[in-house]
Protein backbone atom coordinates (compact mmCIF):
# COMPACT_ATOMS: atom_id res chain seq x y z
CA UNK A 1 -2.27 -331.42 -29.42
CA UNK A 2 -4.61 -330.30 -32.12
CA UNK A 3 -6.99 -333.29 -31.75
CA UNK A 4 -7.09 -332.76 -27.98
CA UNK A 5 -8.48 -329.21 -28.44
CA UNK A 6 -11.06 -330.40 -30.98
CA UNK A 7 -12.33 -333.21 -28.70
CA UNK A 8 -12.76 -331.02 -25.61
CA UNK A 9 -16.26 -330.94 -24.11
CA UNK A 10 -16.97 -327.33 -23.26
CA UNK A 11 -19.34 -327.92 -20.44
CA UNK A 12 -18.67 -324.55 -18.90
CA UNK A 13 -19.47 -322.79 -22.07
CA UNK A 14 -23.11 -323.79 -21.97
CA UNK A 15 -23.68 -323.04 -18.30
CA UNK A 16 -26.28 -320.61 -17.28
CA UNK A 17 -24.94 -317.22 -16.37
CA UNK A 18 -25.22 -316.68 -12.61
CA UNK A 19 -27.25 -313.70 -11.73
CA UNK A 20 -25.06 -310.76 -10.80
CA UNK A 21 -21.88 -312.67 -11.96
CA UNK A 22 -20.53 -309.70 -13.82
CA UNK A 23 -20.66 -307.38 -10.88
CA UNK A 24 -18.69 -309.20 -8.23
CA UNK A 25 -14.97 -309.89 -7.93
CA UNK A 26 -14.10 -313.61 -8.24
CA UNK A 27 -13.23 -315.78 -5.27
CA UNK A 28 -10.08 -317.94 -5.30
CA UNK A 29 -12.12 -321.15 -5.59
CA UNK A 30 -13.84 -320.00 -8.87
CA UNK A 31 -12.11 -318.61 -11.89
CA UNK A 32 -14.54 -317.08 -14.40
CA UNK A 33 -13.14 -317.00 -17.94
CA UNK A 34 -14.92 -315.02 -20.67
CA UNK A 35 -13.76 -315.63 -24.29
CA UNK A 36 -15.63 -313.88 -26.99
CA UNK A 37 -15.20 -316.68 -29.48
CA UNK A 38 -17.55 -319.61 -30.15
CA UNK A 39 -17.08 -323.05 -28.52
CA UNK A 40 -14.98 -324.61 -31.37
CA UNK A 41 -12.69 -321.69 -31.87
CA UNK A 42 -9.15 -322.40 -30.80
CA UNK A 43 -9.20 -319.39 -28.45
CA UNK A 44 -12.11 -320.89 -26.54
CA UNK A 45 -10.68 -324.40 -26.73
CA UNK A 46 -7.44 -323.11 -25.18
CA UNK A 47 -9.27 -321.59 -22.31
CA UNK A 48 -11.33 -324.74 -21.74
CA UNK A 49 -8.26 -326.97 -21.89
CA UNK A 50 -6.60 -324.76 -19.29
CA UNK A 51 -9.67 -324.66 -16.95
CA UNK A 52 -9.91 -328.45 -17.02
CA UNK A 53 -6.12 -329.04 -16.45
CA UNK A 54 -6.01 -326.35 -13.68
CA UNK A 55 -8.90 -327.88 -11.72
CA UNK A 56 -7.43 -331.40 -12.11
CA UNK A 57 -3.90 -330.41 -11.16
CA UNK A 58 -5.20 -328.44 -8.18
CA UNK A 59 -7.02 -331.59 -6.95
CA UNK A 60 -10.33 -329.92 -7.24
CA UNK A 61 -9.30 -327.22 -4.73
CA UNK A 62 -9.76 -324.55 -7.42
CA UNK A 63 -12.64 -324.43 -9.88
CA UNK A 64 -13.05 -322.55 -13.21
CA UNK A 65 -15.96 -321.89 -15.59
CA UNK A 66 -15.75 -320.85 -19.24
CA UNK A 67 -18.44 -318.62 -20.71
CA UNK A 68 -17.82 -318.40 -24.48
CA UNK A 69 -19.38 -316.42 -27.39
CA UNK A 70 -19.33 -313.05 -25.52
CA UNK A 71 -21.92 -314.29 -23.00
CA UNK A 72 -20.50 -311.95 -20.45
CA UNK A 73 -18.45 -309.46 -22.35
CA UNK A 74 -17.30 -308.86 -26.00
CA UNK A 75 -13.68 -308.84 -27.04
CA UNK A 76 -13.53 -305.03 -26.90
CA UNK A 77 -14.85 -304.81 -23.29
CA UNK A 78 -13.56 -307.96 -21.50
CA UNK A 79 -10.11 -306.39 -20.75
CA UNK A 80 -11.79 -303.72 -18.67
CA UNK A 81 -13.98 -306.35 -16.95
CA UNK A 82 -10.88 -308.31 -15.93
CA UNK A 83 -9.27 -305.13 -14.68
CA UNK A 84 -12.21 -304.39 -12.48
CA UNK A 85 -12.29 -307.90 -11.22
CA UNK A 86 -15.67 -308.68 -12.66
CA UNK A 87 -14.11 -311.53 -14.70
CA UNK A 88 -11.25 -313.70 -13.37
CA UNK A 89 -9.40 -314.19 -16.68
CA UNK A 90 -9.36 -313.95 -20.51
CA UNK A 91 -7.20 -313.86 -23.46
CA UNK A 92 -7.42 -310.69 -25.52
CA UNK A 93 -6.24 -310.07 -29.14
CA UNK A 94 -3.12 -307.98 -28.88
CA UNK A 95 -4.54 -305.00 -30.97
CA UNK A 96 -7.25 -304.38 -28.41
CA UNK A 97 -4.68 -303.94 -25.64
CA UNK A 98 -2.24 -302.02 -27.75
CA UNK A 99 -4.63 -299.08 -27.07
CA UNK A 100 -3.65 -299.39 -23.41
CA UNK A 101 0.03 -300.09 -23.88
CA UNK A 102 1.28 -298.62 -27.16
CA UNK A 103 4.49 -300.67 -27.17
CA UNK A 104 2.51 -303.80 -28.06
CA UNK A 105 2.25 -302.29 -31.56
CA UNK A 106 5.79 -303.51 -32.08
CA UNK A 107 4.27 -306.95 -33.00
CA UNK A 108 2.56 -305.57 -36.04
CA UNK A 109 5.47 -303.49 -37.51
CA UNK A 110 6.67 -304.36 -41.08
CA UNK A 111 10.15 -304.98 -39.69
CA UNK A 112 8.84 -308.39 -38.44
CA UNK A 113 7.57 -309.46 -41.91
CA UNK A 114 8.82 -312.94 -42.78
CA UNK A 115 9.29 -314.06 -39.26
CA UNK A 116 7.58 -317.34 -38.48
CA UNK A 117 5.04 -317.90 -35.68
CA UNK A 118 7.65 -319.89 -33.80
CA UNK A 119 10.27 -317.14 -34.11
CA UNK A 120 7.83 -314.54 -32.85
CA UNK A 121 6.67 -316.80 -29.99
CA UNK A 122 10.34 -317.25 -28.91
CA UNK A 123 10.73 -313.51 -28.91
CA UNK A 124 7.66 -313.08 -26.76
CA UNK A 125 8.74 -315.75 -24.32
CA UNK A 126 11.90 -313.82 -23.68
CA UNK A 127 12.81 -310.27 -22.74
CA UNK A 128 10.56 -308.60 -25.22
CA UNK A 129 7.54 -310.34 -23.70
CA UNK A 130 8.69 -309.68 -20.16
CA UNK A 131 8.86 -305.99 -20.88
CA UNK A 132 5.47 -305.88 -22.52
CA UNK A 133 3.88 -307.89 -19.71
CA UNK A 134 5.27 -305.66 -17.06
CA UNK A 135 4.15 -302.51 -18.82
CA UNK A 136 0.66 -303.80 -19.63
CA UNK A 137 0.21 -305.14 -16.07
CA UNK A 138 1.21 -301.70 -14.59
CA UNK A 139 -1.20 -299.90 -16.94
CA UNK A 140 -4.23 -302.13 -16.41
CA UNK A 141 -3.69 -303.33 -12.93
CA UNK A 142 -3.77 -306.98 -14.14
CA UNK A 143 -1.41 -309.96 -14.12
CA UNK A 144 -0.07 -311.61 -17.24
CA UNK A 145 0.44 -315.10 -15.91
CA UNK A 146 2.54 -316.67 -18.67
CA UNK A 147 3.15 -317.08 -22.40
CA UNK A 148 0.94 -315.71 -25.12
CA UNK A 149 -1.16 -318.09 -27.29
CA UNK A 150 -0.83 -317.56 -31.01
CA UNK A 151 -3.85 -316.61 -32.96
CA UNK A 152 -2.34 -317.30 -36.27
CA UNK A 153 -1.52 -315.51 -39.53
CA UNK A 154 -3.61 -312.48 -40.06
CA UNK A 155 -4.93 -312.40 -43.63
CA UNK A 156 -6.61 -309.78 -45.64
CA UNK A 157 -10.05 -310.83 -46.91
CA UNK A 158 -12.03 -309.19 -49.70
CA UNK A 159 -15.59 -309.45 -51.02
CA UNK A 160 -14.79 -307.92 -54.41
CA UNK A 161 -11.12 -307.77 -55.40
CA UNK A 162 -8.87 -310.86 -55.83
CA UNK A 163 -6.01 -309.07 -53.88
CA UNK A 164 -3.12 -310.54 -55.97
CA UNK A 165 -0.90 -307.48 -55.33
CA UNK A 166 -0.61 -304.48 -53.08
CA UNK A 167 -1.90 -301.96 -55.67
CA UNK A 168 -5.38 -303.42 -55.39
CA UNK A 169 -5.62 -302.23 -51.74
CA UNK A 170 -5.62 -298.61 -52.83
CA UNK A 171 -8.91 -296.92 -51.89
CA UNK A 172 -10.27 -300.07 -50.10
CA UNK A 173 -11.94 -299.69 -46.76
CA UNK A 174 -10.43 -302.47 -44.62
CA UNK A 175 -11.82 -303.42 -41.23
CA UNK A 176 -9.08 -303.79 -38.59
CA UNK A 177 -9.53 -304.90 -34.85
CA UNK A 178 -7.63 -301.78 -33.75
CA UNK A 179 -4.08 -300.81 -32.93
CA UNK A 180 -1.78 -298.23 -34.55
CA UNK A 181 0.34 -300.96 -36.24
CA UNK A 182 -2.47 -302.49 -38.42
CA UNK A 183 -3.78 -299.05 -39.26
CA UNK A 184 -0.35 -297.90 -40.41
CA UNK A 185 0.04 -301.05 -42.55
CA UNK A 186 -3.36 -300.59 -44.31
CA UNK A 187 -2.61 -296.84 -44.81
CA UNK A 188 0.80 -297.69 -46.22
CA UNK A 189 -0.77 -299.86 -48.80
CA UNK A 190 -3.28 -297.05 -49.79
CA UNK A 191 -6.21 -298.43 -48.00
CA UNK A 192 -8.54 -296.87 -45.40
CA UNK A 193 -8.43 -298.56 -41.96
CA UNK A 194 -11.89 -298.94 -40.25
CA UNK A 195 -11.67 -299.95 -36.57
CA UNK A 196 -14.45 -302.46 -35.71
CA UNK A 197 -14.95 -305.36 -33.31
CA UNK A 198 -15.13 -308.76 -34.91
CA UNK A 199 -18.77 -309.15 -33.84
CA UNK A 200 -19.84 -306.27 -36.09
CA UNK A 201 -17.69 -307.34 -39.04
CA UNK A 202 -20.06 -309.75 -40.91
CA UNK A 203 -22.85 -307.28 -41.21
CA UNK A 204 -20.39 -304.56 -42.30
CA UNK A 205 -19.13 -306.79 -45.04
CA UNK A 206 -22.60 -307.82 -46.14
CA UNK A 207 -23.78 -304.24 -46.31
CA UNK A 208 -20.62 -303.01 -48.01
CA UNK A 209 -19.73 -300.64 -45.19
CA UNK A 210 -16.17 -302.12 -45.58
CA UNK A 211 -14.62 -303.77 -48.60
CA UNK A 212 -12.62 -306.25 -46.69
CA UNK A 213 -11.26 -307.16 -43.33
CA UNK A 214 -8.13 -308.33 -41.44
CA UNK A 215 -8.84 -311.68 -39.81
CA UNK A 216 -7.41 -315.00 -39.00
CA UNK A 217 -8.36 -317.88 -41.31
CA UNK A 218 -10.20 -319.61 -38.47
CA UNK A 219 -12.38 -316.53 -37.90
CA UNK A 220 -13.42 -316.55 -41.58
CA UNK A 221 -14.45 -320.26 -41.32
CA UNK A 222 -16.05 -320.01 -37.83
CA UNK A 223 -18.03 -316.93 -38.71
CA UNK A 224 -18.82 -318.26 -42.27
CA UNK A 225 -17.80 -314.96 -43.83
CA UNK A 226 -18.26 -316.58 -47.25
CA UNK A 227 -22.03 -316.17 -46.59
CA UNK A 228 -21.53 -312.44 -46.47
CA UNK A 229 -19.42 -312.20 -49.55
CA UNK A 230 -15.78 -313.03 -48.75
CA UNK A 231 -14.27 -314.52 -51.89
CA UNK A 232 -10.52 -313.81 -51.70
CA UNK A 233 -7.71 -313.97 -49.18
CA UNK A 234 -4.24 -312.41 -49.20
CA UNK A 235 -1.28 -313.30 -46.94
CA UNK A 236 1.59 -310.64 -47.05
CA UNK A 237 3.99 -312.54 -44.63
CA UNK A 238 3.20 -309.81 -42.20
CA UNK A 239 1.09 -309.88 -39.02
CA UNK A 240 0.85 -313.00 -36.87
CA UNK A 241 -1.85 -312.51 -34.26
CA UNK A 242 -1.34 -313.29 -30.60
CA UNK A 243 -3.61 -313.42 -27.57
CA UNK A 244 -2.51 -311.83 -24.40
CA UNK A 245 -3.56 -313.70 -21.14
CA UNK A 246 -4.70 -311.38 -18.38
CA UNK A 247 -5.78 -312.29 -14.88
CA UNK A 248 -7.67 -310.11 -12.36
CA UNK A 249 -5.35 -308.79 -9.71
CA UNK A 250 -8.09 -309.62 -7.18
CA UNK A 251 -8.20 -313.18 -8.18
CA UNK A 252 -4.36 -313.52 -8.38
CA UNK A 253 -3.98 -311.99 -4.95
CA UNK A 254 -6.36 -314.62 -3.54
CA UNK A 255 -4.07 -317.48 -4.68
CA UNK A 256 -1.23 -318.85 -2.45
CA UNK A 257 2.34 -318.77 -3.81
CA UNK A 258 2.06 -322.52 -4.67
CA UNK A 259 -1.27 -321.96 -6.50
CA UNK A 260 0.25 -319.07 -8.50
CA UNK A 261 3.14 -321.23 -9.54
CA UNK A 262 0.79 -324.10 -10.52
CA UNK A 263 -1.40 -321.58 -12.53
CA UNK A 264 1.58 -320.38 -14.64
CA UNK A 265 2.97 -323.98 -15.02
CA UNK A 266 -0.28 -325.30 -16.35
CA UNK A 267 -1.00 -322.27 -18.51
CA UNK A 268 2.48 -322.41 -20.21
CA UNK A 269 1.95 -326.18 -20.91
CA UNK A 270 -1.42 -325.54 -22.56
CA UNK A 271 -0.03 -322.66 -24.62
CA UNK A 272 2.74 -324.91 -25.92
CA UNK A 273 0.06 -327.37 -27.17
CA UNK A 274 -2.08 -324.59 -28.57
CA UNK A 275 0.81 -323.14 -30.56
CA UNK A 276 1.45 -326.46 -32.18
CA UNK A 277 -2.25 -327.00 -32.80
CA UNK A 278 -2.54 -323.58 -34.51
CA UNK A 279 -0.39 -324.78 -37.45
CA UNK A 280 -2.78 -327.60 -38.03
CA UNK A 281 -5.76 -325.30 -37.80
CA UNK A 282 -4.34 -322.97 -40.55
CA UNK A 283 -3.82 -325.91 -42.85
CA UNK A 284 -7.23 -327.41 -42.22
CA UNK A 285 -8.99 -324.10 -42.57
CA UNK A 286 -7.22 -323.27 -45.87
CA UNK A 287 -8.44 -326.56 -47.30
CA UNK A 288 -11.96 -325.80 -46.06
CA UNK A 289 -12.02 -322.34 -47.72
CA UNK A 290 -10.52 -323.80 -51.01
CA UNK A 291 -13.46 -326.13 -50.98
CA UNK A 292 -15.74 -323.23 -50.55
CA UNK A 293 -14.31 -321.57 -53.64
CA UNK A 294 -12.29 -318.84 -51.74
């Protein structure tokens, strides 16, 4: 539940990085997880919740450590690190991985506008998700161990225009995380898509390099983008962001059949809670931003 995620003690996230950690494949008794988000972001809380549950359910036979806030790798590079076996696991926003497997762009097409997060989750838990997982695993040499956590509604945020209609997007430079789908949507509205990792976004907004950004509501609050000029938000019933869980093939192969089954079982249980918690996050964060005058 939402309160469970918020109360988690992220002990692993403050651990000292072991020397040479990012240059060696992980052993079965230690799963290194490398989210790019800060400790209280729902992405990090999800990974922490999973790590704790996985260790408990394995009776301590398997251990896991979470290194948040891009301590090891940023969101743009962590997928490659997992593929190499330098990191055991991470969840990666789907646009980053759509560069590897183009079919993932189907999630961002306008044909899905109006579908709720629950409807999209159900689609991804079924045949569509199975196909995408298989294709991505084959391309990257990784394992997708279970269902995808939901990142939430992807809003458009502006530092200058109120964004009350689509005409106001004409000529605006909009930062996107990547992917052909988001780029096509911004271009279709008359805007100019600018591909940029989330870590570079605040400075770009502050300096006026971009006029606005695509981002989840939680990212705006967590990164305090109001401090760099964000004043307006716009939701077009369009993109709902998802995180794709990927596990190093080296780590996965080191697990027994029973351990693999346990991994997927625990992961899917945590994702079910995370999806429910995300709705509460969106409501809470909208109230927070309203209080800040956004």
